[in-house]
Amino acid sequence: MSKKKKRRKKRPDKRLTMAQCEKEINDALDTFEKAALEALHSEFGFGKKRQARFMKAFKQKVYEIIVEEEKRRLQRVLS
């Protein structure tokens, strides 16, 4: 008489898809932007125009940093 092997229960896959990662990152960025704008208004009296100027400059600086980091990453990969 042969014994049947018990099958292990399959663990649920807890990995995130790229779309889920992108959503999580965007949600976090939205939260940081809201917090920054609230702090600028409540602590420093920034109105809508100054907040808009800040966000424009902030997003430009973030873009510049990302571009520079990507250049450095590519240099490491290619060298």
C-alpha atoms as a PDB file:
ATOM      1  CA  MET A   1       0.000   0.000   0.000  1.00  0.00           C
ATOM      2  CA  SER A   2       1.546   3.287  -1.069  1.00  0.00           C
ATOM      3  CA  LYS A   3       1.327   6.384   1.009  1.00  0.00           C
ATOM      4  CA  LYS A   4       0.130   9.543  -0.632  1.00  0.00           C
ATOM      5  CA  LYS A   5       2.284  12.584  -0.167  1.00  0.00           C
ATOM      6  CA  LYS A   6       0.536  15.492   1.383  1.00  0.00           C
ATOM      7  CA  ARG A   7       0.640  18.570  -0.786  1.00  0.00           C
ATOM      8  CA  ARG A   8       1.809  21.738   0.793  1.00  0.00           C
ATOM      9  CA  LYS A   9      -0.511  24.662   0.629  1.00  0.00           C
ATOM     10  CA  LYS A  10       0.693  27.198  -1.866  1.00  0.00           C
ATOM     11  CA  ARG A  11       1.725  30.473  -0.303  1.00  0.00           C
ATOM     12  CA  PRO A  12      -0.062  33.499  -1.675  1.00  0.00           C
ATOM     13  CA  ASP A  13       2.079  35.602  -3.977  1.00  0.00           C
ATOM     14  CA  LYS A  14       2.786  38.830  -2.130  1.00  0.00           C
ATOM     15  CA  ARG A  15       4.842  40.476  -4.848  1.00  0.00           C
ATOM     16  CA  LEU A  16       3.628  43.759  -6.255  1.00  0.00           C
ATOM     17  CA  THR A  17       3.008  44.354  -9.918  1.00  0.00           C
ATOM     18  CA  MET A  18       4.617  47.355 -11.601  1.00  0.00           C
ATOM     19  CA  ALA A  19       1.224  49.079 -11.713  1.00  0.00           C
ATOM     20  CA  GLN A  20       0.788  48.549  -7.963  1.00  0.00           C
ATOM     21  CA  CYS A  21       4.300  49.904  -7.298  1.00  0.00           C
ATOM     22  CA  GLU A  22       3.608  52.949  -9.441  1.00  0.00           C
ATOM     23  CA  LYS A  23       0.331  53.586  -7.603  1.00  0.00           C
ATOM     24  CA  GLU A  24       2.019  53.302  -4.198  1.00  0.00           C
ATOM     25  CA  ILE A  25       4.785  55.701  -5.236  1.00  0.00           C
ATOM     26  CA  ASN A  26       2.313  58.210  -6.661  1.00  0.00           C
ATOM     27  CA  ASP A  27       0.166  58.020  -3.517  1.00  0.00           C
ATOM     28  CA  ALA A  28       3.236  58.669  -1.352  1.00  0.00           C
ATOM     29  CA  LEU A  29       4.293  61.613  -3.525  1.00  0.00           C
ATOM     30  CA  ASP A  30       0.791  63.098  -3.316  1.00  0.00           C
ATOM     31  CA  THR A  31       0.924  62.826   0.473  1.00  0.00           C
ATOM     32  CA  PHE A  32       4.330  64.561   0.644  1.00  0.00           C
ATOM     33  CA  GLU A  33       3.168  67.326  -1.681  1.00  0.00           C
ATOM     34  CA  LYS A  34       0.047  67.946   0.417  1.00  0.00           C
ATOM     35  CA  ALA A  35       2.101  68.007   3.625  1.00  0.00           C
ATOM     36  CA  ALA A  36       4.613  70.438   2.108  1.00  0.00           C
ATOM     37  CA  LEU A  37       1.873  72.785   0.881  1.00  0.00           C
ATOM     38  CA  GLU A  38       0.071  72.691   4.225  1.00  0.00           C
ATOM     39  CA  ALA A  39       3.312  73.467   6.082  1.00  0.00           C
ATOM     40  CA  LEU A  40       4.143  76.319   3.718  1.00  0.00           C
ATOM     41  CA  HIS A  41       0.700  77.795   4.285  1.00  0.00           C
ATOM     42  CA  SER A  42       0.357  77.299   8.032  1.00  0.00           C
ATOM     43  CA  GLU A  43       3.961  78.001   9.093  1.00  0.00           C
ATOM     44  CA  PHE A  44       5.083  80.558   6.529  1.00  0.00           C
ATOM     45  CA  GLY A  45       1.847  82.104   5.240  1.00  0.00           C
ATOM     46  CA  PHE A  46       2.267  80.976   1.635  1.00  0.00           C
ATOM     47  CA  GLY A  47      -0.839  81.632  -0.453  1.00  0.00           C
ATOM     48  CA  LYS A  48      -1.924  79.784  -3.571  1.00  0.00           C
ATOM     49  CA  LYS A  49       0.435  81.703  -5.904  1.00  0.00           C
ATOM     50  CA  ARG A  50       3.542  81.129  -3.772  1.00  0.00           C
ATOM     51  CA  GLN A  51       2.580  77.496  -3.240  1.00  0.00           C
ATOM     52  CA  ALA A  52       2.269  77.066  -7.009  1.00  0.00           C
ATOM     53  CA  ARG A  53       5.676  78.702  -7.543  1.00  0.00           C
ATOM     54  CA  PHE A  54       7.177  76.420  -4.903  1.00  0.00           C
ATOM     55  CA  MET A  55       5.685  73.278  -6.461  1.00  0.00           C
ATOM     56  CA  LYS A  56       6.923  74.272  -9.926  1.00  0.00           C
ATOM     57  CA  ALA A  57      10.468  74.847  -8.625  1.00  0.00           C
ATOM     58  CA  PHE A  58      10.338  71.713  -6.466  1.00  0.00           C
ATOM     59  CA  LYS A  59       9.218  69.470  -9.321  1.00  0.00           C
ATOM     60  CA  GLN A  60      11.893  70.947 -11.596  1.00  0.00           C
ATOM     61  CA  LYS A  61      14.589  70.261  -8.987  1.00  0.00           C
ATOM     62  CA  VAL A  62      13.343  66.688  -8.491  1.00  0.00           C
ATOM     63  CA  TYR A  63      13.467  66.156 -12.262  1.00  0.00           C
ATOM     64  CA  GLU A  64      17.038  67.485 -12.413  1.00  0.00           C
ATOM     65  CA  ILE A  65      18.132  65.212  -9.572  1.00  0.00           C
ATOM     66  CA  ILE A  66      16.516  62.167 -11.194  1.00  0.00           C
ATOM     67  CA  VAL A  67      18.208  62.926 -14.524  1.00  0.00           C
ATOM     68  CA  GLU A  68      21.615  63.302 -12.829  1.00  0.00           C
ATOM     69  CA  GLU A  69      21.181  60.076 -10.874  1.00  0.00           C
ATOM     70  CA  GLU A  70      20.174  58.232 -14.034  1.00  0.00           C
ATOM     71  CA  LYS A  71      23.274  59.562 -15.831  1.00  0.00           C
ATOM     72  CA  ARG A  72      25.491  58.316 -12.996  1.00  0.00           C
ATOM     73  CA  ARG A  73      23.744  54.946 -12.993  1.00  0.00           C
ATOM     74  CA  LEU A  74      24.252  54.571 -16.737  1.00  0.00           C
ATOM     75  CA  GLN A  75      27.938  55.524 -16.445  1.00  0.00           C
ATOM     76  CA  ARG A  76      28.432  52.785 -13.822  1.00  0.00           C
ATOM     77  CA  VAL A  77      26.660  50.243 -16.018  1.00  0.00           C
ATOM     78  CA  LEU A  78      28.589  51.159 -19.148  1.00  0.00           C
ATOM     79  CA  SER A  79      32.026  51.315 -17.531  1.00  0.00           C
END
